[in-house]
């Protein structure tokens, strides 16, 4: 009988960069939904809510596009297809939760 050789693999990192990119892309893609929920639940004064609201609007526009700088050329195309397919649902979610956060801080 021959000797059985088992190829020793290098130790796997705890979390691969590929998985971290997808997690980041998921949170960036869903930013128009979770940012108003976050801002709606944080107690703040009216003046601070106005300032934070402006920052939140900018983040809601920029964060879904930010994974473009993280992915390589081949994966950007996949992410952009996912982004454009999800865009109508994200716009509706952003409107509903943005309206809710505005009503919470400024009244109806």
N, C-alpha and C. Protein backbone atom coordinates (compact mmCIF):
# COMPACT_ATOMS: atom_id res chain seq x y z
N UNK A 1 0.83 -1.18 0.00
CA UNK A 1 0.00 0.00 0.00
C UNK A 1 0.86 1.24 0.00
N UNK A 2 0.37 2.21 -0.77
CA UNK A 2 1.09 3.46 -0.85
C UNK A 2 0.77 4.38 0.32
N UNK A 3 1.62 5.28 0.50
CA UNK A 3 1.43 6.24 1.59
C UNK A 3 0.44 7.31 1.12
N UNK A 4 -0.53 7.62 1.96
CA UNK A 4 -1.52 8.65 1.63
C UNK A 4 -0.97 9.99 2.08
N UNK A 5 -0.93 10.89 1.14
CA UNK A 5 -0.42 12.24 1.46
C UNK A 5 -1.60 13.21 1.53
N UNK A 6 -1.64 13.95 2.58
CA UNK A 6 -2.68 14.96 2.74
C UNK A 6 -2.02 16.32 2.58
N UNK A 7 -2.55 17.05 1.63
CA UNK A 7 -1.99 18.38 1.37
C UNK A 7 -2.44 19.33 2.48
N UNK A 8 -1.48 19.93 3.10
CA UNK A 8 -1.79 20.87 4.18
C UNK A 8 -2.10 22.23 3.58
N UNK A 9 -3.28 22.73 3.90
CA UNK A 9 -3.71 24.03 3.40
C UNK A 9 -3.27 25.12 4.36
N UNK A 10 -3.01 26.30 3.83
CA UNK A 10 -2.67 27.40 4.74
C UNK A 10 -3.88 27.74 5.61
N UNK A 11 -3.65 28.26 6.79
CA UNK A 11 -4.79 28.59 7.67
C UNK A 11 -5.67 29.65 7.02
N UNK A 12 -6.96 29.44 7.14
CA UNK A 12 -7.92 30.37 6.54
C UNK A 12 -8.08 31.58 7.46
N UNK A 13 -8.10 32.76 6.87
CA UNK A 13 -8.31 33.94 7.72
C UNK A 13 -9.70 33.90 8.34
N UNK A 14 -9.88 34.55 9.48
CA UNK A 14 -11.18 34.49 10.17
C UNK A 14 -12.33 34.98 9.28
N UNK A 15 -12.16 36.09 8.61
CA UNK A 15 -13.17 36.61 7.69
C UNK A 15 -12.43 37.11 6.46
N UNK A 16 -12.87 36.66 5.31
CA UNK A 16 -12.17 37.07 4.10
C UNK A 16 -12.56 38.49 3.71
N UNK A 17 -11.70 39.14 2.98
CA UNK A 17 -11.99 40.50 2.51
C UNK A 17 -13.17 40.50 1.56
N UNK A 18 -13.35 39.42 0.83
CA UNK A 18 -14.48 39.31 -0.09
C UNK A 18 -15.80 39.39 0.67
N UNK A 19 -15.91 38.66 1.79
CA UNK A 19 -17.13 38.69 2.59
C UNK A 19 -17.34 40.07 3.22
N UNK A 20 -16.26 40.67 3.68
CA UNK A 20 -16.39 42.00 4.26
C UNK A 20 -16.87 43.01 3.23
N UNK A 21 -16.42 42.88 2.00
CA UNK A 21 -16.89 43.78 0.94
C UNK A 21 -18.37 43.60 0.68
N UNK A 22 -18.85 42.35 0.70
CA UNK A 22 -20.27 42.13 0.47
C UNK A 22 -21.11 42.65 1.63
N UNK A 23 -20.63 42.50 2.85
CA UNK A 23 -21.35 43.03 4.01
C UNK A 23 -21.40 44.56 3.92
N UNK A 24 -20.27 45.18 3.60
CA UNK A 24 -20.23 46.63 3.44
C UNK A 24 -21.17 47.06 2.32
N UNK A 25 -21.16 46.33 1.22
CA UNK A 25 -22.02 46.68 0.09
C UNK A 25 -23.49 46.57 0.47
N UNK A 26 -23.84 45.56 1.28
CA UNK A 26 -25.23 45.41 1.71
C UNK A 26 -25.67 46.60 2.56
N UNK A 27 -24.86 46.98 3.54
CA UNK A 27 -25.23 48.12 4.38
C UNK A 27 -25.22 49.43 3.60
N UNK A 28 -24.31 49.56 2.66
CA UNK A 28 -24.30 50.76 1.83
C UNK A 28 -25.52 50.80 0.92
N UNK A 29 -25.89 49.66 0.37
CA UNK A 29 -27.04 49.60 -0.52
C UNK A 29 -28.34 49.90 0.21
N UNK A 30 -28.46 49.43 1.43
CA UNK A 30 -29.69 49.65 2.19
C UNK A 30 -29.65 50.93 3.03
N UNK A 31 -28.66 51.77 2.84
CA UNK A 31 -28.54 53.02 3.62
C UNK A 31 -29.76 53.92 3.51
N UNK A 32 -30.41 54.05 2.34
CA UNK A 32 -31.60 54.91 2.30
C UNK A 32 -32.73 54.43 3.19
N UNK A 33 -32.68 53.20 3.65
CA UNK A 33 -33.72 52.69 4.54
C UNK A 33 -33.30 52.78 6.01
N UNK A 34 -32.07 52.38 6.34
CA UNK A 34 -31.71 52.34 7.76
C UNK A 34 -31.27 53.69 8.32
N UNK A 35 -30.84 54.62 7.49
CA UNK A 35 -30.44 55.94 8.02
C UNK A 35 -31.65 56.70 8.58
N UNK A 36 -32.80 56.78 7.87
CA UNK A 36 -33.94 57.46 8.50
C UNK A 36 -34.45 56.75 9.75
N UNK A 37 -34.38 55.41 9.77
CA UNK A 37 -34.81 54.68 10.97
C UNK A 37 -33.90 55.04 12.14
N UNK A 38 -32.60 55.09 11.89
CA UNK A 38 -31.64 55.45 12.93
C UNK A 38 -31.88 56.87 13.42
N UNK A 39 -32.01 57.82 12.49
CA UNK A 39 -32.21 59.21 12.89
C UNK A 39 -33.57 59.44 13.52
N UNK A 40 -34.57 58.66 13.14
CA UNK A 40 -35.89 58.81 13.74
C UNK A 40 -35.95 58.34 15.18
N UNK A 41 -35.09 57.41 15.54
CA UNK A 41 -35.10 56.86 16.89
C UNK A 41 -34.15 57.55 17.85
N UNK A 42 -33.29 58.41 17.35
CA UNK A 42 -32.34 59.11 18.22
C UNK A 42 -32.99 60.41 18.69
N UNK A 43 -33.15 60.61 20.01
CA UNK A 43 -33.75 61.85 20.49
C UNK A 43 -32.79 63.03 20.30
N UNK A 44 -33.30 64.12 19.74
CA UNK A 44 -32.48 65.32 19.54
C UNK A 44 -33.39 66.53 19.42
N UNK A 45 -32.80 67.71 19.59
CA UNK A 45 -33.57 68.95 19.49
C UNK A 45 -33.91 69.22 18.03
N UNK A 46 -34.82 70.19 17.82
CA UNK A 46 -35.23 70.51 16.45
C UNK A 46 -34.08 71.04 15.61
N UNK A 47 -33.23 71.89 16.20
CA UNK A 47 -32.09 72.45 15.46
C UNK A 47 -31.10 71.35 15.09
N UNK A 48 -30.82 70.48 16.04
CA UNK A 48 -29.91 69.38 15.75
C UNK A 48 -30.52 68.42 14.73
N UNK A 49 -31.82 68.19 14.82
CA UNK A 49 -32.50 67.30 13.86
C UNK A 49 -32.40 67.87 12.45
N UNK A 50 -32.48 69.20 12.32
CA UNK A 50 -32.33 69.82 10.99
C UNK A 50 -30.93 69.57 10.43
N UNK A 51 -29.92 69.79 11.26
CA UNK A 51 -28.54 69.59 10.80
C UNK A 51 -28.25 68.13 10.50
N UNK A 52 -28.69 67.25 11.37
CA UNK A 52 -28.48 65.82 11.16
C UNK A 52 -29.27 65.35 9.94
N UNK A 53 -30.42 65.94 9.72
CA UNK A 53 -31.22 65.58 8.54
C UNK A 53 -30.49 65.87 7.24
N UNK A 54 -29.78 67.00 7.19
CA UNK A 54 -29.00 67.32 5.99
C UNK A 54 -27.87 66.31 5.79
N UNK A 55 -27.20 65.96 6.87
CA UNK A 55 -26.12 64.96 6.78
C UNK A 55 -26.70 63.62 6.35
N UNK A 56 -27.85 63.27 6.91
CA UNK A 56 -28.50 62.00 6.55
C UNK A 56 -28.89 61.94 5.09
N UNK A 57 -29.39 63.06 4.55
CA UNK A 57 -29.75 63.08 3.12
C UNK A 57 -28.53 62.86 2.24
N UNK A 58 -27.43 63.49 2.61
CA UNK A 58 -26.19 63.32 1.83
C UNK A 58 -25.71 61.87 1.92
N UNK A 59 -25.75 61.30 3.12
CA UNK A 59 -25.32 59.91 3.28
C UNK A 59 -26.23 58.95 2.52
N UNK A 60 -27.53 59.24 2.49
CA UNK A 60 -28.46 58.38 1.76
C UNK A 60 -28.18 58.40 0.26
N UNK A 61 -27.61 59.48 -0.24
CA UNK A 61 -27.28 59.55 -1.66
C UNK A 61 -25.90 58.98 -1.97
N UNK A 62 -24.94 59.19 -1.07
CA UNK A 62 -23.55 58.81 -1.36
C UNK A 62 -23.27 57.35 -1.01
N UNK A 63 -23.78 56.86 0.12
CA UNK A 63 -23.42 55.51 0.57
C UNK A 63 -23.77 54.40 -0.43
N UNK A 64 -24.93 54.42 -1.10
CA UNK A 64 -25.17 53.34 -2.07
C UNK A 64 -24.18 53.33 -3.23
N UNK A 65 -23.55 54.45 -3.53
CA UNK A 65 -22.57 54.49 -4.62
C UNK A 65 -21.15 54.21 -4.14
N UNK A 66 -20.92 54.22 -2.83
CA UNK A 66 -19.56 54.07 -2.32
C UNK A 66 -18.92 52.70 -2.58
N UNK A 67 -19.64 51.58 -2.67
CA UNK A 67 -18.95 50.31 -2.96
C UNK A 67 -18.29 50.27 -4.33
N UNK A 68 -18.56 51.22 -5.18
CA UNK A 68 -17.90 51.25 -6.49
C UNK A 68 -16.39 51.37 -6.31
N UNK A 69 -15.95 52.05 -5.26
CA UNK A 69 -14.51 52.23 -5.03
C UNK A 69 -13.89 51.01 -4.34
N UNK A 70 -14.71 50.10 -3.83
CA UNK A 70 -14.21 48.94 -3.10
C UNK A 70 -13.98 47.74 -4.02
N UNK A 71 -14.85 47.58 -5.02
CA UNK A 71 -14.81 46.39 -5.86
C UNK A 71 -13.90 46.58 -7.06
N UNK A 72 -13.46 45.45 -7.60
CA UNK A 72 -12.69 45.49 -8.84
C UNK A 72 -13.65 45.63 -10.03
N UNK A 73 -13.10 45.75 -11.21
CA UNK A 73 -13.88 46.07 -12.39
C UNK A 73 -14.97 45.04 -12.68
N UNK A 74 -14.66 43.77 -12.49
CA UNK A 74 -15.62 42.71 -12.81
C UNK A 74 -16.81 42.73 -11.84
N UNK A 75 -16.56 42.98 -10.58
CA UNK A 75 -17.62 42.96 -9.57
C UNK A 75 -18.44 44.26 -9.56
N UNK A 76 -17.89 45.33 -10.06
CA UNK A 76 -18.64 46.59 -10.10
C UNK A 76 -19.89 46.43 -10.95
N UNK A 77 -19.76 45.71 -12.05
CA UNK A 77 -20.90 45.52 -12.94
C UNK A 77 -22.03 44.78 -12.22
N UNK A 78 -21.68 43.76 -11.46
CA UNK A 78 -22.69 43.01 -10.70
C UNK A 78 -23.35 43.91 -9.66
N UNK A 79 -22.54 44.70 -8.95
CA UNK A 79 -23.10 45.58 -7.93
C UNK A 79 -24.01 46.64 -8.56
N UNK A 80 -23.61 47.19 -9.69
CA UNK A 80 -24.44 48.21 -10.33
C UNK A 80 -25.77 47.62 -10.82
N UNK A 81 -25.75 46.39 -11.30
CA UNK A 81 -27.01 45.74 -11.70
C UNK A 81 -27.92 45.58 -10.48
N UNK A 82 -27.35 45.12 -9.37
CA UNK A 82 -28.13 44.98 -8.14
C UNK A 82 -28.65 46.34 -7.68
N UNK A 83 -27.81 47.37 -7.76
CA UNK A 83 -28.21 48.72 -7.34
C UNK A 83 -29.37 49.24 -8.18
N UNK A 84 -29.27 49.10 -9.50
CA UNK A 84 -30.33 49.63 -10.36
C UNK A 84 -31.62 48.83 -10.24
N UNK A 85 -31.53 47.54 -9.94
CA UNK A 85 -32.75 46.75 -9.71
C UNK A 85 -33.40 47.12 -8.37
N UNK A 86 -32.59 47.44 -7.39
CA UNK A 86 -33.11 47.76 -6.06
C UNK A 86 -33.52 49.23 -5.92
N UNK A 87 -33.14 50.06 -6.86
CA UNK A 87 -33.36 51.50 -6.74
C UNK A 87 -34.81 51.90 -6.50
N UNK A 88 -35.80 51.36 -7.23
CA UNK A 88 -37.19 51.76 -6.95
C UNK A 88 -37.64 51.42 -5.53
N UNK A 89 -37.23 50.24 -5.05
CA UNK A 89 -37.62 49.83 -3.70
C UNK A 89 -36.92 50.67 -2.64
N UNK A 90 -35.66 51.01 -2.89
CA UNK A 90 -34.93 51.87 -1.96
C UNK A 90 -35.52 53.27 -1.93
N UNK A 91 -35.94 53.78 -3.08
CA UNK A 91 -36.55 55.11 -3.13
C UNK A 91 -37.85 55.14 -2.34
N UNK A 92 -38.67 54.11 -2.49
CA UNK A 92 -39.93 54.04 -1.75
C UNK A 92 -39.66 53.92 -0.25
N UNK A 93 -38.73 53.05 0.12
CA UNK A 93 -38.38 52.89 1.54
C UNK A 93 -37.80 54.16 2.13
N UNK A 94 -36.95 54.84 1.36
CA UNK A 94 -36.36 56.09 1.84
C UNK A 94 -37.43 57.15 2.04
N UNK A 95 -38.40 57.22 1.13
CA UNK A 95 -39.47 58.21 1.27
C UNK A 95 -40.31 57.91 2.51
N UNK A 96 -40.71 56.66 2.68
CA UNK A 96 -41.59 56.30 3.81
C UNK A 96 -40.88 56.53 5.14
N UNK A 97 -39.66 56.00 5.27
CA UNK A 97 -38.95 56.15 6.55
C UNK A 97 -38.44 57.57 6.76
N UNK A 98 -38.11 58.28 5.70
CA UNK A 98 -37.73 59.68 5.82
C UNK A 98 -38.90 60.52 6.30
N UNK A 99 -40.09 60.26 5.75
CA UNK A 99 -41.29 60.96 6.20
C UNK A 99 -41.57 60.65 7.66
N UNK A 100 -41.42 59.38 8.05
CA UNK A 100 -41.64 58.99 9.43
C UNK A 100 -40.67 59.69 10.37
N UNK A 101 -39.39 59.74 10.00
CA UNK A 101 -38.40 60.40 10.85
C UNK A 101 -38.68 61.89 10.96
N UNK A 102 -39.16 62.51 9.88
CA UNK A 102 -39.50 63.93 9.91
C UNK A 102 -40.69 64.18 10.83
N UNK A 103 -41.70 63.32 10.76
CA UNK A 103 -42.87 63.47 11.62
C UNK A 103 -42.50 63.27 13.08
N UNK A 104 -41.60 62.35 13.35
CA UNK A 104 -41.19 62.10 14.74
C UNK A 104 -40.52 63.33 15.33
N UNK A 105 -39.68 64.01 14.56
CA UNK A 105 -38.92 65.14 15.11
C UNK A 105 -39.64 66.48 14.99
N UNK A 106 -40.38 66.69 13.93
CA UNK A 106 -40.98 68.01 13.70
C UNK A 106 -42.49 68.03 13.82
N UNK A 107 -43.13 66.89 14.00
CA UNK A 107 -44.58 66.84 14.09
C UNK A 107 -45.21 66.75 12.71
N UNK A 108 -46.53 66.45 12.68
CA UNK A 108 -47.21 66.30 11.38
C UNK A 108 -47.38 67.61 10.64
